[in-house]
N, C-alpha and C. Protein backbone atom coordinates (compact mmCIF):
# COMPACT_ATOMS: atom_id res chain seq x y z
N MET A 1 -19.58 8.65 -9.39
CA MET A 1 -19.48 9.27 -8.10
C MET A 1 -18.03 9.35 -7.64
N GLN A 2 -17.28 8.26 -7.84
CA GLN A 2 -15.88 8.27 -7.43
C GLN A 2 -15.06 9.30 -8.20
N ARG A 3 -15.37 9.44 -9.47
CA ARG A 3 -14.64 10.41 -10.29
C ARG A 3 -14.93 11.83 -9.80
N LEU A 4 -16.17 12.11 -9.49
CA LEU A 4 -16.53 13.43 -8.98
C LEU A 4 -15.83 13.70 -7.64
N PHE A 5 -15.83 12.70 -6.77
CA PHE A 5 -15.16 12.86 -5.49
C PHE A 5 -13.68 13.15 -5.69
N ARG A 6 -13.05 12.41 -6.57
CA ARG A 6 -11.62 12.61 -6.83
C ARG A 6 -11.37 13.99 -7.44
N ASP A 7 -12.23 14.41 -8.34
CA ASP A 7 -12.08 15.74 -8.95
C ASP A 7 -12.18 16.84 -7.90
N GLU A 8 -13.07 16.66 -6.93
CA GLU A 8 -13.28 17.67 -5.90
C GLU A 8 -12.19 17.67 -4.83
N THR A 9 -11.71 16.49 -4.45
CA THR A 9 -10.76 16.39 -3.34
C THR A 9 -9.33 16.16 -3.78
N GLU A 10 -9.15 15.77 -5.03
CA GLU A 10 -7.85 15.39 -5.59
C GLU A 10 -7.29 14.14 -4.92
N LEU A 11 -8.17 13.36 -4.28
CA LEU A 11 -7.78 12.10 -3.65
C LEU A 11 -8.83 11.04 -3.93
N PRO A 12 -8.39 9.80 -4.09
CA PRO A 12 -9.39 8.72 -4.11
C PRO A 12 -10.08 8.67 -2.74
N PHE A 13 -11.32 8.18 -2.71
CA PHE A 13 -12.07 8.15 -1.47
C PHE A 13 -11.34 7.40 -0.37
N THR A 14 -10.71 6.28 -0.69
CA THR A 14 -10.03 5.50 0.34
C THR A 14 -8.89 6.28 0.97
N ASN A 15 -8.15 7.05 0.18
CA ASN A 15 -7.06 7.87 0.73
C ASN A 15 -7.63 9.00 1.58
N TRP A 16 -8.71 9.61 1.11
CA TRP A 16 -9.34 10.68 1.88
C TRP A 16 -9.83 10.16 3.23
N ARG A 17 -10.48 9.00 3.21
CA ARG A 17 -11.00 8.40 4.44
C ARG A 17 -9.87 8.08 5.41
N ALA A 18 -8.76 7.55 4.90
CA ALA A 18 -7.61 7.24 5.76
C ALA A 18 -7.07 8.51 6.40
N ARG A 19 -6.95 9.58 5.63
CA ARG A 19 -6.47 10.85 6.18
C ARG A 19 -7.44 11.44 7.18
N ALA A 20 -8.72 11.30 6.91
CA ALA A 20 -9.72 11.80 7.86
C ALA A 20 -9.60 11.08 9.20
N LYS A 21 -9.44 9.76 9.16
CA LYS A 21 -9.27 8.99 10.38
C LYS A 21 -7.99 9.41 11.11
N LEU A 22 -6.92 9.63 10.36
CA LEU A 22 -5.66 10.06 10.99
C LEU A 22 -5.83 11.44 11.63
N ASN A 23 -6.54 12.33 10.97
CA ASN A 23 -6.78 13.65 11.55
C ASN A 23 -7.53 13.56 12.87
N VAL A 24 -8.49 12.67 12.94
CA VAL A 24 -9.23 12.46 14.19
C VAL A 24 -8.28 11.93 15.26
N ALA A 25 -7.48 10.94 14.91
CA ALA A 25 -6.56 10.35 15.88
C ALA A 25 -5.55 11.38 16.38
N ILE A 26 -5.01 12.18 15.49
CA ILE A 26 -4.03 13.20 15.89
C ILE A 26 -4.69 14.25 16.78
N SER A 27 -5.89 14.62 16.46
CA SER A 27 -6.62 15.57 17.32
C SER A 27 -6.80 15.00 18.72
N ARG A 28 -7.12 13.72 18.80
CA ARG A 28 -7.30 13.08 20.11
C ARG A 28 -5.98 13.02 20.87
N LEU A 29 -4.88 12.75 20.16
CA LEU A 29 -3.57 12.73 20.81
C LEU A 29 -3.23 14.12 21.34
N ARG A 30 -3.51 15.14 20.56
CA ARG A 30 -3.26 16.52 21.01
C ARG A 30 -4.12 16.88 22.22
N ALA A 31 -5.28 16.26 22.31
CA ALA A 31 -6.17 16.51 23.45
C ALA A 31 -5.73 15.74 24.69
N GLY A 32 -4.71 14.90 24.55
CA GLY A 32 -4.18 14.18 25.70
C GLY A 32 -4.54 12.72 25.77
N ASP A 33 -5.24 12.20 24.78
CA ASP A 33 -5.59 10.77 24.78
C ASP A 33 -4.34 9.92 24.58
N SER A 34 -4.38 8.71 25.09
CA SER A 34 -3.32 7.73 24.84
C SER A 34 -3.44 7.22 23.41
N LEU A 35 -2.39 6.55 22.94
CA LEU A 35 -2.45 5.95 21.59
C LEU A 35 -3.61 4.98 21.46
N PRO A 36 -3.81 4.06 22.40
CA PRO A 36 -4.95 3.14 22.25
C PRO A 36 -6.30 3.87 22.23
N ALA A 37 -6.45 4.88 23.07
CA ALA A 37 -7.72 5.61 23.11
C ALA A 37 -7.94 6.39 21.81
N ALA A 38 -6.90 7.03 21.31
CA ALA A 38 -7.00 7.78 20.06
C ALA A 38 -7.32 6.83 18.90
N ALA A 39 -6.69 5.66 18.90
CA ALA A 39 -6.95 4.68 17.85
C ALA A 39 -8.41 4.24 17.89
N HIS A 40 -8.90 3.92 19.05
CA HIS A 40 -10.29 3.48 19.18
C HIS A 40 -11.26 4.58 18.74
N TYR A 41 -11.04 5.79 19.21
CA TYR A 41 -11.93 6.91 18.90
C TYR A 41 -11.98 7.18 17.39
N ALA A 42 -10.82 7.01 16.73
CA ALA A 42 -10.74 7.29 15.29
C ALA A 42 -11.21 6.11 14.42
N GLY A 43 -11.51 4.99 15.05
CA GLY A 43 -12.03 3.86 14.29
C GLY A 43 -11.01 2.82 13.89
N TYR A 44 -9.83 2.86 14.49
CA TYR A 44 -8.82 1.83 14.22
C TYR A 44 -9.07 0.64 15.13
N ALA A 45 -8.72 -0.54 14.67
CA ALA A 45 -8.94 -1.77 15.44
C ALA A 45 -7.98 -1.87 16.63
N SER A 46 -6.82 -1.22 16.50
CA SER A 46 -5.82 -1.34 17.56
C SER A 46 -4.82 -0.18 17.49
N ARG A 47 -4.03 -0.07 18.54
CA ARG A 47 -2.94 0.90 18.58
C ARG A 47 -1.98 0.63 17.42
N ALA A 48 -1.69 -0.65 17.17
CA ALA A 48 -0.76 -1.03 16.11
C ALA A 48 -1.25 -0.59 14.73
N SER A 49 -2.55 -0.71 14.49
CA SER A 49 -3.05 -0.30 13.18
C SER A 49 -2.99 1.21 13.00
N LEU A 50 -3.19 1.97 14.08
CA LEU A 50 -3.00 3.42 14.01
C LEU A 50 -1.55 3.75 13.72
N LEU A 51 -0.63 3.11 14.43
CA LEU A 51 0.80 3.38 14.20
C LEU A 51 1.21 3.05 12.77
N LYS A 52 0.69 1.95 12.25
CA LYS A 52 1.00 1.57 10.87
C LYS A 52 0.51 2.63 9.88
N SER A 53 -0.70 3.11 10.08
CA SER A 53 -1.26 4.15 9.19
C SER A 53 -0.49 5.46 9.32
N LEU A 54 -0.18 5.85 10.55
CA LEU A 54 0.60 7.08 10.75
C LEU A 54 1.96 6.99 10.07
N SER A 55 2.60 5.84 10.22
CA SER A 55 3.91 5.64 9.62
C SER A 55 3.83 5.67 8.09
N ARG A 56 2.85 4.99 7.55
CA ARG A 56 2.69 4.95 6.08
C ARG A 56 2.45 6.35 5.52
N GLU A 57 1.62 7.13 6.19
CA GLU A 57 1.26 8.46 5.69
C GLU A 57 2.37 9.49 5.92
N SER A 58 3.08 9.38 7.03
CA SER A 58 4.07 10.40 7.39
C SER A 58 5.50 10.05 7.01
N GLY A 59 5.78 8.76 6.88
CA GLY A 59 7.15 8.34 6.62
C GLY A 59 7.98 8.21 7.88
N VAL A 60 7.38 8.42 9.04
CA VAL A 60 8.08 8.30 10.32
C VAL A 60 8.01 6.83 10.76
N PRO A 61 9.15 6.25 11.17
CA PRO A 61 9.13 4.85 11.60
C PRO A 61 8.17 4.62 12.79
N GLN A 62 7.54 3.46 12.79
CA GLN A 62 6.58 3.14 13.84
C GLN A 62 7.20 3.20 15.23
N ARG A 63 8.47 2.80 15.37
CA ARG A 63 9.09 2.81 16.69
C ARG A 63 9.18 4.22 17.26
N LEU A 64 9.42 5.23 16.41
CA LEU A 64 9.46 6.61 16.87
C LEU A 64 8.06 7.10 17.22
N LEU A 65 7.10 6.72 16.41
CA LEU A 65 5.72 7.11 16.67
C LEU A 65 5.20 6.48 17.96
N ALA A 66 5.60 5.24 18.23
CA ALA A 66 5.14 4.55 19.44
C ALA A 66 5.66 5.22 20.69
N ALA A 67 6.88 5.74 20.64
CA ALA A 67 7.48 6.37 21.81
C ALA A 67 6.88 7.74 22.10
N ALA A 68 6.72 8.55 21.08
CA ALA A 68 6.21 9.92 21.25
C ALA A 68 5.61 10.37 19.93
N PRO A 69 4.35 10.02 19.66
CA PRO A 69 3.78 10.26 18.33
C PRO A 69 3.76 11.72 17.90
N LEU A 70 3.33 12.61 18.76
CA LEU A 70 3.24 14.02 18.35
C LEU A 70 4.62 14.62 18.12
N ALA A 71 5.57 14.30 18.98
CA ALA A 71 6.94 14.80 18.80
C ALA A 71 7.54 14.27 17.51
N ALA A 72 7.31 13.00 17.21
CA ALA A 72 7.85 12.40 15.98
C ALA A 72 7.25 13.05 14.74
N LEU A 73 5.95 13.30 14.78
CA LEU A 73 5.30 13.95 13.64
C LEU A 73 5.75 15.39 13.48
N GLU A 74 5.92 16.09 14.59
CA GLU A 74 6.38 17.49 14.53
C GLU A 74 7.80 17.56 13.98
N THR A 75 8.66 16.67 14.41
CA THR A 75 10.04 16.64 13.90
C THR A 75 10.04 16.41 12.41
N ARG A 76 9.18 15.51 11.96
CA ARG A 76 9.08 15.22 10.51
C ARG A 76 8.57 16.44 9.75
N ALA A 77 7.58 17.12 10.32
CA ALA A 77 6.97 18.28 9.65
C ALA A 77 7.95 19.45 9.53
N THR A 78 8.82 19.59 10.51
CA THR A 78 9.76 20.72 10.48
C THR A 78 11.08 20.35 9.82
N GLY A 79 11.20 19.09 9.37
CA GLY A 79 12.39 18.67 8.67
C GLY A 79 13.54 18.34 9.58
N GLY A 80 13.27 18.19 10.87
CA GLY A 80 14.32 17.93 11.85
C GLY A 80 14.66 16.51 12.03
């Protein structure tokens, strides 16, 4: 089953699940939720665990994400 999932998604299930949770959290942030609310809605135990996952996936330092997560991610995406 895991091999089929990886063949279809090109990701191990754990990586896919982590990205899915991050997508939910980012959507909630874009909708105006606070970091703690977005973390809770996406299934993270805390604001800190969301920041850690965002930082690991994006390469943006947690301190920048904590101050303004969407701006930090946008800057990273545009290479700024």
